[in-house]
Amino acid sequence: MKLSEEQVRYVAKLANLNLTQAEIDRMVQDLGSVLEHMDSLAAIDTEGVEPMTQVLYQTEETATLRPDVERAPLANEAALANAPAAGSGYFKVPKVIER
């Protein structure tokens, strides 16, 4: 799949990134290479290959996981204690939808 400069500019705008023309040119090449690689992976015949159900050790079902222990939830005041800005019991964040 070929990636266009307009598509890179569109995604950069969505991510609120200001890219130089050199960075855009590099992204067109780099991201285009990633998409081409993904296309080549999608073309591989995986018929008859059983999907992996888990990636844990064979020793136990939960060999790599911590024990599931019930704990009290974090209080709202404690969660907001280190927030740069808080109000009415919520985190305050800058508006980023509109410029």
PDB file of N, CA and C in Angstrom:
ATOM      1  N   MET A   1       0.842  -1.178   0.000  1.00  0.00           N
ATOM      2  CA  MET A   1       0.000   0.000   0.000  1.00  0.00           C
ATOM      3  C   MET A   1       0.887   1.242   0.000  1.00  0.00           C
ATOM      4  N   LYS A   2       0.650   2.139  -0.890  1.00  0.00           N
ATOM      5  CA  LYS A   2       1.419   3.375  -1.001  1.00  0.00           C
ATOM      6  C   LYS A   2       0.757   4.446  -0.152  1.00  0.00           C
ATOM      7  N   LEU A   3       1.539   5.108   0.646  1.00  0.00           N
ATOM      8  CA  LEU A   3       1.049   6.159   1.524  1.00  0.00           C
ATOM      9  C   LEU A   3       1.340   7.503   0.877  1.00  0.00           C
ATOM     10  N   SER A   4       0.353   8.382   0.861  1.00  0.00           N
ATOM     11  CA  SER A   4       0.545   9.688   0.230  1.00  0.00           C
ATOM     12  C   SER A   4       0.953  10.746   1.251  1.00  0.00           C
ATOM     13  N   GLU A   5       1.500  11.818   0.755  1.00  0.00           N
ATOM     14  CA  GLU A   5       1.892  12.931   1.617  1.00  0.00           C
ATOM     15  C   GLU A   5       0.664  13.528   2.302  1.00  0.00           C
ATOM     16  N   GLU A   6      -0.458  13.576   1.602  1.00  0.00           N
ATOM     17  CA  GLU A   6      -1.689  14.117   2.182  1.00  0.00           C
ATOM     18  C   GLU A   6      -2.154  13.276   3.368  1.00  0.00           C
ATOM     19  N   GLN A   7      -2.010  11.956   3.261  1.00  0.00           N
ATOM     20  CA  GLN A   7      -2.399  11.082   4.363  1.00  0.00           C
ATOM     21  C   GLN A   7      -1.499  11.309   5.581  1.00  0.00           C
ATOM     22  N   VAL A   8      -0.212  11.475   5.360  1.00  0.00           N
ATOM     23  CA  VAL A   8       0.720  11.741   6.460  1.00  0.00           C
ATOM     24  C   VAL A   8       0.383  13.084   7.109  1.00  0.00           C
ATOM     25  N   ARG A   9       0.102  14.097   6.305  1.00  0.00           N
ATOM     26  CA  ARG A   9      -0.270  15.410   6.849  1.00  0.00           C
ATOM     27  C   ARG A   9      -1.568  15.309   7.659  1.00  0.00           C
ATOM     28  N   TYR A  10      -2.530  14.529   7.169  1.00  0.00           N
ATOM     29  CA  TYR A  10      -3.804  14.354   7.857  1.00  0.00           C
ATOM     30  C   TYR A  10      -3.604  13.703   9.225  1.00  0.00           C
ATOM     31  N   VAL A  11      -2.820  12.622   9.272  1.00  0.00           N
ATOM     32  CA  VAL A  11      -2.571  11.932  10.535  1.00  0.00           C
ATOM     33  C   VAL A  11      -1.769  12.833  11.480  1.00  0.00           C
ATOM     34  N   ALA A  12      -0.816  13.579  10.957  1.00  0.00           N
ATOM     35  CA  ALA A  12      -0.037  14.503  11.790  1.00  0.00           C
ATOM     36  C   ALA A  12      -0.944  15.573  12.385  1.00  0.00           C
ATOM     37  N   LYS A  13      -1.888  16.038  11.603  1.00  0.00           N
ATOM     38  CA  LYS A  13      -2.833  17.047  12.108  1.00  0.00           C
ATOM     39  C   LYS A  13      -3.701  16.452  13.213  1.00  0.00           C
ATOM     40  N   LEU A  14      -4.171  15.212  13.024  1.00  0.00           N
ATOM     41  CA  LEU A  14      -4.971  14.550  14.055  1.00  0.00           C
ATOM     42  C   LEU A  14      -4.175  14.393  15.346  1.00  0.00           C
ATOM     43  N   ALA A  15      -2.880  14.123  15.214  1.00  0.00           N
ATOM     44  CA  ALA A  15      -2.015  13.937  16.377  1.00  0.00           C
ATOM     45  C   ALA A  15      -1.467  15.262  16.909  1.00  0.00           C
ATOM     46  N   ASN A  16      -1.890  16.366  16.283  1.00  0.00           N
ATOM     47  CA  ASN A  16      -1.456  17.699  16.689  1.00  0.00           C
ATOM     48  C   ASN A  16       0.066  17.828  16.609  1.00  0.00           C
ATOM     49  N   LEU A  17       0.639  17.308  15.502  1.00  0.00           N
ATOM     50  CA  LEU A  17       2.079  17.368  15.272  1.00  0.00           C
ATOM     51  C   LEU A  17       2.382  18.375  14.174  1.00  0.00           C
ATOM     52  N   ASN A  18       3.372  19.185  14.391  1.00  0.00           N
ATOM     53  CA  ASN A  18       3.851  20.102  13.357  1.00  0.00           C
ATOM     54  C   ASN A  18       5.116  19.507  12.766  1.00  0.00           C
ATOM     55  N   LEU A  19       4.997  18.914  11.585  1.00  0.00           N
ATOM     56  CA  LEU A  19       6.134  18.262  10.943  1.00  0.00           C
ATOM     57  C   LEU A  19       6.718  19.165   9.868  1.00  0.00           C
ATOM     58  N   THR A  20       8.032  19.128   9.732  1.00  0.00           N
ATOM     59  CA  THR A  20       8.692  19.838   8.642  1.00  0.00           C
ATOM     60  C   THR A  20       8.511  19.026   7.362  1.00  0.00           C
ATOM     61  N   GLN A  21       8.805  19.639   6.236  1.00  0.00           N
ATOM     62  CA  GLN A  21       8.683  18.921   4.969  1.00  0.00           C
ATOM     63  C   GLN A  21       9.613  17.711   4.929  1.00  0.00           C
ATOM     64  N   ALA A  22      10.810  17.845   5.504  1.00  0.00           N
ATOM     65  CA  ALA A  22      11.757  16.718   5.543  1.00  0.00           C
ATOM     66  C   ALA A  22      11.187  15.574   6.380  1.00  0.00           C
ATOM     67  N   GLU A  23      10.552  15.909   7.513  1.00  0.00           N
ATOM     68  CA  GLU A  23       9.955  14.874   8.354  1.00  0.00           C
ATOM     69  C   GLU A  23       8.785  14.195   7.650  1.00  0.00           C
ATOM     70  N   ILE A  24       8.006  14.973   6.932  1.00  0.00           N
ATOM     71  CA  ILE A  24       6.876  14.400   6.179  1.00  0.00           C
ATOM     72  C   ILE A  24       7.399  13.453   5.108  1.00  0.00           C
ATOM     73  N   ASP A  25       8.418  13.871   4.383  1.00  0.00           N
ATOM     74  CA  ASP A  25       9.000  13.005   3.345  1.00  0.00           C
ATOM     75  C   ASP A  25       9.523  11.706   3.949  1.00  0.00           C
ATOM     76  N   ARG A  26      10.186  11.804   5.110  1.00  0.00           N
ATOM     77  CA  ARG A  26      10.696  10.610   5.767  1.00  0.00           C
ATOM     78  C   ARG A  26       9.559   9.714   6.232  1.00  0.00           C
ATOM     79  N   MET A  27       8.486  10.300   6.773  1.00  0.00           N
ATOM     80  CA  MET A  27       7.333   9.521   7.235  1.00  0.00           C
ATOM     81  C   MET A  27       6.638   8.806   6.079  1.00  0.00           C
ATOM     82  N   VAL A  28       6.545   9.460   4.938  1.00  0.00           N
ATOM     83  CA  VAL A  28       5.944   8.820   3.762  1.00  0.00           C
ATOM     84  C   VAL A  28       6.716   7.549   3.432  1.00  0.00           C
ATOM     85  N   GLN A  29       8.045   7.637   3.448  1.00  0.00           N
ATOM     86  CA  GLN A  29       8.882   6.478   3.145  1.00  0.00           C
ATOM     87  C   GLN A  29       8.807   5.423   4.247  1.00  0.00           C
ATOM     88  N   ASP A  30       9.016   5.852   5.493  1.00  0.00           N
ATOM     89  CA  ASP A  30       9.067   4.904   6.618  1.00  0.00           C
ATOM     90  C   ASP A  30       7.726   4.211   6.841  1.00  0.00           C
ATOM     91  N   LEU A  31       6.655   4.991   6.901  1.00  0.00           N
ATOM     92  CA  LEU A  31       5.340   4.396   7.124  1.00  0.00           C
ATOM     93  C   LEU A  31       4.903   3.564   5.923  1.00  0.00           C
ATOM     94  N   GLY A  32       5.284   4.004   4.727  1.00  0.00           N
ATOM     95  CA  GLY A  32       4.990   3.216   3.527  1.00  0.00           C
ATOM     96  C   GLY A  32       5.676   1.857   3.581  1.00  0.00           C
ATOM     97  N   SER A  33       6.912   1.828   4.076  1.00  0.00           N
ATOM     98  CA  SER A  33       7.634   0.560   4.219  1.00  0.00           C
ATOM     99  C   SER A  33       6.954  -0.357   5.226  1.00  0.00           C
ATOM    100  N   VAL A  34       6.477   0.214   6.322  1.00  0.00           N
ATOM    101  CA  VAL A  34       5.776  -0.587   7.328  1.00  0.00           C
ATOM    102  C   VAL A  34       4.508  -1.189   6.716  1.00  0.00           C
ATOM    103  N   LEU A  35       3.750  -0.380   5.988  1.00  0.00           N
ATOM    104  CA  LEU A  35       2.515  -0.880   5.369  1.00  0.00           C
ATOM    105  C   LEU A  35       2.794  -1.944   4.312  1.00  0.00           C
ATOM    106  N   GLU A  36       3.867  -1.780   3.559  1.00  0.00           N
ATOM    107  CA  GLU A  36       4.244  -2.806   2.585  1.00  0.00           C
ATOM    108  C   GLU A  36       4.597  -4.109   3.285  1.00  0.00           C
ATOM    109  N   HIS A  37       5.308  -4.016   4.392  1.00  0.00           N
ATOM    110  CA  HIS A  37       5.653  -5.207   5.169  1.00  0.00           C
ATOM    111  C   HIS A  37       4.390  -5.881   5.695  1.00  0.00           C
ATOM    112  N   MET A  38       3.434  -5.101   6.181  1.00  0.00           N
ATOM    113  CA  MET A  38       2.177  -5.661   6.672  1.00  0.00           C
ATOM    114  C   MET A  38       1.424  -6.364   5.541  1.00  0.00           C
ATOM    115  N   ASP A  39       1.454  -5.789   4.335  1.00  0.00           N
ATOM    116  CA  ASP A  39       0.821  -6.434   3.185  1.00  0.00           C
ATOM    117  C   ASP A  39       1.476  -7.775   2.879  1.00  0.00           C
ATOM    118  N   SER A  40       2.819  -7.826   2.977  1.00  0.00           N
ATOM    119  CA  SER A  40       3.510  -9.087   2.712  1.00  0.00           C
ATOM    120  C   SER A  40       3.177 -10.123   3.784  1.00  0.00           C
ATOM    121  N   LEU A  41       3.012  -9.692   5.044  1.00  0.00           N
ATOM    122  CA  LEU A  41       2.610 -10.621   6.097  1.00  0.00           C
ATOM    123  C   LEU A  41       1.181 -11.121   5.879  1.00  0.00           C
ATOM    124  N   ALA A  42       0.307 -10.239   5.409  1.00  0.00           N
ATOM    125  CA  ALA A  42      -1.080 -10.625   5.164  1.00  0.00           C
ATOM    126  C   ALA A  42      -1.177 -11.638   4.025  1.00  0.00           C
ATOM    127  N   ALA A  43      -0.200 -11.635   3.132  1.00  0.00           N
ATOM    128  CA  ALA A  43      -0.225 -12.546   1.992  1.00  0.00           C
ATOM    129  C   ALA A  43       0.258 -13.952   2.347  1.00  0.00           C
ATOM    130  N   ILE A  44       0.819 -14.144   3.521  1.00  0.00           N
ATOM    131  CA  ILE A  44       1.329 -15.462   3.922  1.00  0.00           C
ATOM    132  C   ILE A  44       0.170 -16.411   4.169  1.00  0.00           C
ATOM    133  N   ASP A  45       0.281 -17.610   3.634  1.00  0.00           N
ATOM    134  CA  ASP A  45      -0.755 -18.627   3.813  1.00  0.00           C
ATOM    135  C   ASP A  45      -0.628 -19.232   5.211  1.00  0.00           C
ATOM    136  N   THR A  46      -1.624 -19.000   6.032  1.00  0.00           N
ATOM    137  CA  THR A  46      -1.622 -19.536   7.391  1.00  0.00           C
ATOM    138  C   THR A  46      -2.677 -20.628   7.561  1.00  0.00           C
ATOM    139  N   GLU A  47      -3.137 -21.173   6.468  1.00  0.00           N
ATOM    140  CA  GLU A  47      -4.116 -22.260   6.508  1.00  0.00           C
ATOM    141  C   GLU A  47      -3.500 -23.451   7.238  1.00  0.00           C
ATOM    142  N   GLY A  48      -4.207 -23.968   8.204  1.00  0.00           N
ATOM    143  CA  GLY A  48      -3.725 -25.118   8.950  1.00  0.00           C
ATOM    144  C   GLY A  48      -2.826 -24.772  10.120  1.00  0.00           C
ATOM    145  N   VAL A  49      -2.500 -23.514  10.300  1.00  0.00           N
ATOM    146  CA  VAL A  49      -1.681 -23.108  11.435  1.00  0.00           C
ATOM    147  C   VAL A  49      -2.628 -22.796  12.585  1.00  0.00           C
ATOM    148  N   GLU A  50      -2.447 -23.516  13.674  1.00  0.00           N
ATOM    149  CA  GLU A  50      -3.326 -23.330  14.811  1.00  0.00           C
ATOM    150  C   GLU A  50      -2.978 -22.038  15.543  1.00  0.00           C
ATOM    151  N   PRO A  51      -3.959 -21.217  15.865  1.00  0.00           N
ATOM    152  CA  PRO A  51      -3.653 -19.967  16.571  1.00  0.00           C
ATOM    153  C   PRO A  51      -3.194 -20.241  17.995  1.00  0.00           C
ATOM    154  N   MET A  52      -2.366 -19.335  18.506  1.00  0.00           N
ATOM    155  CA  MET A  52      -1.905 -19.461  19.889  1.00  0.00           C
ATOM    156  C   MET A  52      -3.035 -19.032  20.810  1.00  0.00           C
ATOM    157  N   THR A  53      -3.263 -19.789  21.842  1.00  0.00           N
ATOM    158  CA  THR A  53      -4.302 -19.428  22.789  1.00  0.00           C
ATOM    159  C   THR A  53      -3.747 -18.636  23.943  1.00  0.00           C
ATOM    160  N   GLN A  54      -2.453 -18.766  24.215  1.00  0.00           N
ATOM    161  CA  GLN A  54      -1.816 -18.053  25.307  1.00  0.00           C
ATOM    162  C   GLN A  54      -0.315 -18.097  25.117  1.00  0.00           C
ATOM    163  N   VAL A  55       0.381 -17.238  25.832  1.00  0.00           N
ATOM    164  CA  VAL A  55       1.841 -17.206  25.750  1.00  0.00           C
ATOM    165  C   VAL A  55       2.471 -17.451  27.113  1.00  0.00           C
ATOM    166  N   LEU A  56       1.762 -18.122  27.983  1.00  0.00           N
ATOM    167  CA  LEU A  56       2.266 -18.411  29.315  1.00  0.00           C
ATOM    168  C   LEU A  56       3.123 -19.664  29.304  1.00  0.00           C
ATOM    169  N   TYR A  57       3.861 -19.848  30.360  1.00  0.00           N
ATOM    170  CA  TYR A  57       4.678 -21.036  30.525  1.00  0.00           C
ATOM    171  C   TYR A  57       3.790 -22.281  30.506  1.00  0.00           C
ATOM    172  N   GLN A  58       4.366 -23.404  30.186  1.00  0.00           N
ATOM    173  CA  GLN A  58       3.636 -24.665  30.216  1.00  0.00           C
ATOM    174  C   GLN A  58       3.532 -25.227  31.633  1.00  0.00           C
ATOM    175  N   THR A  59       4.283 -24.661  32.581  1.00  0.00           N
ATOM    176  CA  THR A  59       4.308 -25.217  33.933  1.00  0.00           C
ATOM    177  C   THR A  59       2.992 -25.043  34.663  1.00  0.00           C
ATOM    178  N   GLU A  60       2.427 -23.870  34.602  1.00  0.00           N
ATOM    179  CA  GLU A  60       1.156 -23.592  35.256  1.00  0.00           C
ATOM    180  C   GLU A  60       0.338 -22.665  34.374  1.00  0.00           C
ATOM    181  N   GLU A  61      -0.938 -22.627  34.645  1.00  0.00           N
ATOM    182  CA  GLU A  61      -1.812 -21.766  33.847  1.00  0.00           C
ATOM    183  C   GLU A  61      -1.467 -20.296  34.004  1.00  0.00           C
ATOM    184  N   THR A  62      -1.085 -19.874  35.205  1.00  0.00           N
ATOM    185  CA  THR A  62      -0.769 -18.467  35.460  1.00  0.00           C
ATOM    186  C   THR A  62       0.669 -18.287  35.928  1.00  0.00           C
ATOM    187  N   ALA A  63       1.590 -19.018  35.363  1.00  0.00           N
ATOM    188  CA  ALA A  63       2.971 -19.010  35.835  1.00  0.00           C
ATOM    189  C   ALA A  63       3.621 -17.632  35.758  1.00  0.00           C
ATOM    190  N   THR A  64       3.244 -16.799  34.799  1.00  0.00           N
ATOM    191  CA  THR A  64       3.906 -15.502  34.655  1.00  0.00           C
ATOM    192  C   THR A  64       3.089 -14.356  35.216  1.00  0.00           C
ATOM    193  N   LEU A  65       1.961 -14.642  35.826  1.00  0.00           N
ATOM    194  CA  LEU A  65       1.098 -13.581  36.329  1.00  0.00           C
ATOM    195  C   LEU A  65       1.173 -13.497  37.845  1.00  0.00           C
ATOM    196  N   ARG A  66       0.923 -12.309  38.367  1.00  0.00           N
ATOM    197  CA  ARG A  66       0.893 -12.136  39.821  1.00  0.00           C
ATOM    198  C   ARG A  66      -0.411 -12.717  40.348  1.00  0.00           C
ATOM    199  N   PRO A  67      -0.471 -13.040  41.615  1.00  0.00           N
ATOM    200  CA  PRO A  67      -1.723 -13.551  42.186  1.00  0.00           C
ATOM    201  C   PRO A  67      -2.826 -12.494  42.106  1.00  0.00           C
ATOM    202  N   ASP A  68      -4.027 -12.922  41.871  1.00  0.00           N
ATOM    203  CA  ASP A  68      -5.164 -12.029  41.794  1.00  0.00           C
ATOM    204  C   ASP A  68      -5.712 -11.829  43.200  1.00  0.00           C
ATOM    205  N   VAL A  69      -5.333 -10.697  43.814  1.00  0.00           N
ATOM    206  CA  VAL A  69      -5.706 -10.418  45.190  1.00  0.00           C
ATOM    207  C   VAL A  69      -6.655  -9.224  45.209  1.00  0.00           C
ATOM    208  N   GLU A  70      -7.775  -9.373  45.893  1.00  0.00           N
ATOM    209  CA  GLU A  70      -8.733  -8.288  45.995  1.00  0.00           C
ATOM    210  C   GLU A  70      -8.174  -7.184  46.879  1.00  0.00           C
ATOM    211  N   ARG A  71      -8.310  -5.937  46.440  1.00  0.00           N
ATOM    212  CA  ARG A  71      -7.843  -4.779  47.194  1.00  0.00           C
ATOM    213  C   ARG A  71      -8.896  -3.687  47.160  1.00  0.00           C
ATOM    214  N   ALA A  72      -8.815  -2.791  48.108  1.00  0.00           N
ATOM    215  CA  ALA A  72      -9.726  -1.644  48.119  1.00  0.00           C
ATOM    216  C   ALA A  72      -9.377  -0.723  46.958  1.00  0.00           C
ATOM    217  N   PRO A  73     -10.377  -0.120  46.330  1.00  0.00           N
ATOM    218  CA  PRO A  73     -10.086   0.784  45.213  1.00  0.00           C
ATOM    219  C   PRO A  73      -9.420   2.072  45.695  1.00  0.00           C
ATOM    220  N   LEU A  74      -8.743   2.754  44.792  1.00  0.00           N
ATOM    221  CA  LEU A  74      -8.084   4.018  45.092  1.00  0.00           C
ATOM    222  C   LEU A  74      -9.149   5.091  45.308  1.00  0.00           C
ATOM    223  N   ALA A  75      -9.076   5.806  46.406  1.00  0.00           N
ATOM    224  CA  ALA A  75     -10.043   6.860  46.705  1.00  0.00           C
ATOM    225  C   ALA A  75      -9.867   8.020  45.727  1.00  0.00           C
ATOM    226  N   ASN A  76     -10.947   8.719  45.451  1.00  0.00           N
ATOM    227  CA  ASN A  76     -10.926   9.832  44.517  1.00  0.00           C
ATOM    228  C   ASN A  76      -9.926  10.900  44.956  1.00  0.00           C
ATOM    229  N   GLU A  77      -9.892  11.221  46.243  1.00  0.00           N
ATOM    230  CA  GLU A  77      -8.970  12.242  46.745  1.00  0.00           C
ATOM    231  C   GLU A  77      -7.516  11.817  46.529  1.00  0.00           C
ATOM    232  N   ALA A  78      -7.224  10.556  46.762  1.00  0.00           N
ATOM    233  CA  ALA A  78      -5.863  10.052  46.569  1.00  0.00           C
ATOM    234  C   ALA A  78      -5.479  10.083  45.093  1.00  0.00           C
ATOM    235  N   ALA A  79      -6.413   9.757  44.225  1.00  0.00           N
ATOM    236  CA  ALA A  79      -6.139   9.765  42.785  1.00  0.00           C
ATOM    237  C   ALA A  79      -5.845  11.181  42.302  1.00  0.00           C
ATOM    238  N   LEU A  80      -6.543  12.162  42.849  1.00  0.00           N
ATOM    239  CA  LEU A  80      -6.370  13.553  42.412  1.00  0.00           C
ATOM    240  C   LEU A  80      -5.269  14.294  43.159  1.00  0.00           C
ATOM    241  N   ALA A  81      -4.679  13.673  44.166  1.00  0.00           N
ATOM    242  CA  ALA A  81      -3.694  14.354  45.010  1.00  0.00           C
ATOM    243  C   ALA A  81      -2.521  14.919  44.224  1.00  0.00           C
ATOM    244  N   ASN A  82      -2.028  14.229  43.215  1.00  0.00           N
ATOM    245  CA  ASN A  82      -0.866  14.692  42.450  1.00  0.00           C
ATOM    246  C   ASN A  82      -1.237  15.253  41.089  1.00  0.00           C
ATOM    247  N   ALA A  83      -2.525  15.481  40.863  1.00  0.00           N
ATOM    248  CA  ALA A  83      -2.959  16.016  39.568  1.00  0.00           C
ATOM    249  C   ALA A  83      -2.500  17.465  39.432  1.00  0.00           C
ATOM    250  N   PRO A  84      -2.000  17.850  38.245  1.00  0.00           N
ATOM    251  CA  PRO A  84      -1.590  19.238  38.056  1.00  0.00           C
ATOM    252  C   PRO A  84      -2.772  20.203  38.193  1.00  0.00           C
ATOM    253  N   ALA A  85      -3.964  19.744  37.771  1.00  0.00           N
ATOM    254  CA  ALA A  85      -5.168  20.564  37.895  1.00  0.00           C
ATOM    255  C   ALA A  85      -6.347  19.637  38.136  1.00  0.00           C
ATOM    256  N   ALA A  86      -7.147  19.960  39.158  1.00  0.00           N
ATOM    257  CA  ALA A  86      -8.321  19.154  39.474  1.00  0.00           C
ATOM    258  C   ALA A  86      -9.442  20.085  39.875  1.00  0.00           C
ATOM    259  N   GLY A  87     -10.669  19.612  39.707  1.00  0.00           N
ATOM    260  CA  GLY A  87     -11.817  20.396  40.111  1.00  0.00           C
ATOM    261  C   GLY A  87     -13.072  19.564  40.076  1.00  0.00           C
ATOM    262  N   SER A  88     -13.944  19.755  41.025  1.00  0.00           N
ATOM    263  CA  SER A  88     -15.220  19.038  41.121  1.00  0.00           C
ATOM    264  C   SER A  88     -15.033  17.529  41.123  1.00  0.00           C
ATOM    265  N   GLY A  89     -13.908  17.068  41.651  1.00  0.00           N
ATOM    266  CA  GLY A  89     -13.675  15.630  41.745  1.00  0.00           C
ATOM    267  C   GLY A  89     -13.149  14.987  40.480  1.00  0.00           C
ATOM    268  N   TYR A  90     -12.691  15.782  39.508  1.00  0.00           N
ATOM    269  CA  TYR A  90     -12.215  15.254  38.225  1.00  0.00           C
ATOM    270  C   TYR A  90     -10.850  15.846  37.881  1.00  0.00           C
ATOM    271  N   PHE A  91     -10.120  15.176  36.990  1.00  0.00           N
ATOM    272  CA  PHE A  91      -8.893  15.724  36.432  1.00  0.00           C
ATOM    273  C   PHE A  91      -9.279  16.809  35.434  1.00  0.00           C
ATOM    274  N   LYS A  92      -8.587  17.940  35.464  1.00  0.00           N
ATOM    275  CA  LYS A  92      -8.786  18.977  34.464  1.00  0.00           C
ATOM    276  C   LYS A  92      -7.661  18.870  33.443  1.00  0.00           C
ATOM    277  N   VAL A  93      -8.026  18.867  32.179  1.00  0.00           N
ATOM    278  CA  VAL A  93      -7.040  18.777  31.105  1.00  0.00           C
ATOM    279  C   VAL A  93      -7.298  19.888  30.101  1.00  0.00           C
ATOM    280  N   PRO A  94      -6.261  20.313  29.373  1.00  0.00           N
ATOM    281  CA  PRO A  94      -6.461  21.359  28.385  1.00  0.00           C
ATOM    282  C   PRO A  94      -7.343  20.875  27.229  1.00  0.00           C
ATOM    283  N   LYS A  95      -8.095  21.777  26.670  1.00  0.00           N
ATOM    284  CA  LYS A  95      -8.936  21.464  25.525  1.00  0.00           C
ATOM    285  C   LYS A  95      -8.044  21.242  24.303  1.00  0.00           C
ATOM    286  N   VAL A  96      -8.221  20.116  23.621  1.00  0.00           N
ATOM    287  CA  VAL A  96      -7.384  19.825  22.449  1.00  0.00           C
ATOM    288  C   VAL A  96      -8.205  19.508  21.204  1.00  0.00           C
ATOM    289  N   ILE A  97      -9.520  19.481  21.312  1.00  0.00           N
ATOM    290  CA  ILE A  97     -10.360  19.142  20.167  1.00  0.00           C
ATOM    291  C   ILE A  97     -10.347  20.235  19.115  1.00  0.00           C
ATOM    292  N   GLU A  98     -10.508  21.460  19.544  1.00  0.00           N
ATOM    293  CA  GLU A  98     -10.509  22.597  18.609  1.00  0.00           C
ATOM    294  C   GLU A  98      -9.265  23.444  18.871  1.00  0.00           C
ATOM    295  N   ARG A  99      -8.759  24.031  17.816  1.00  0.00           N
ATOM    296  CA  ARG A  99      -7.570  24.868  17.961  1.00  0.00           C
ATOM    297  C   ARG A  99      -7.946  26.321  18.001  1.00  0.00           C
TER     298      ARG A  99
END
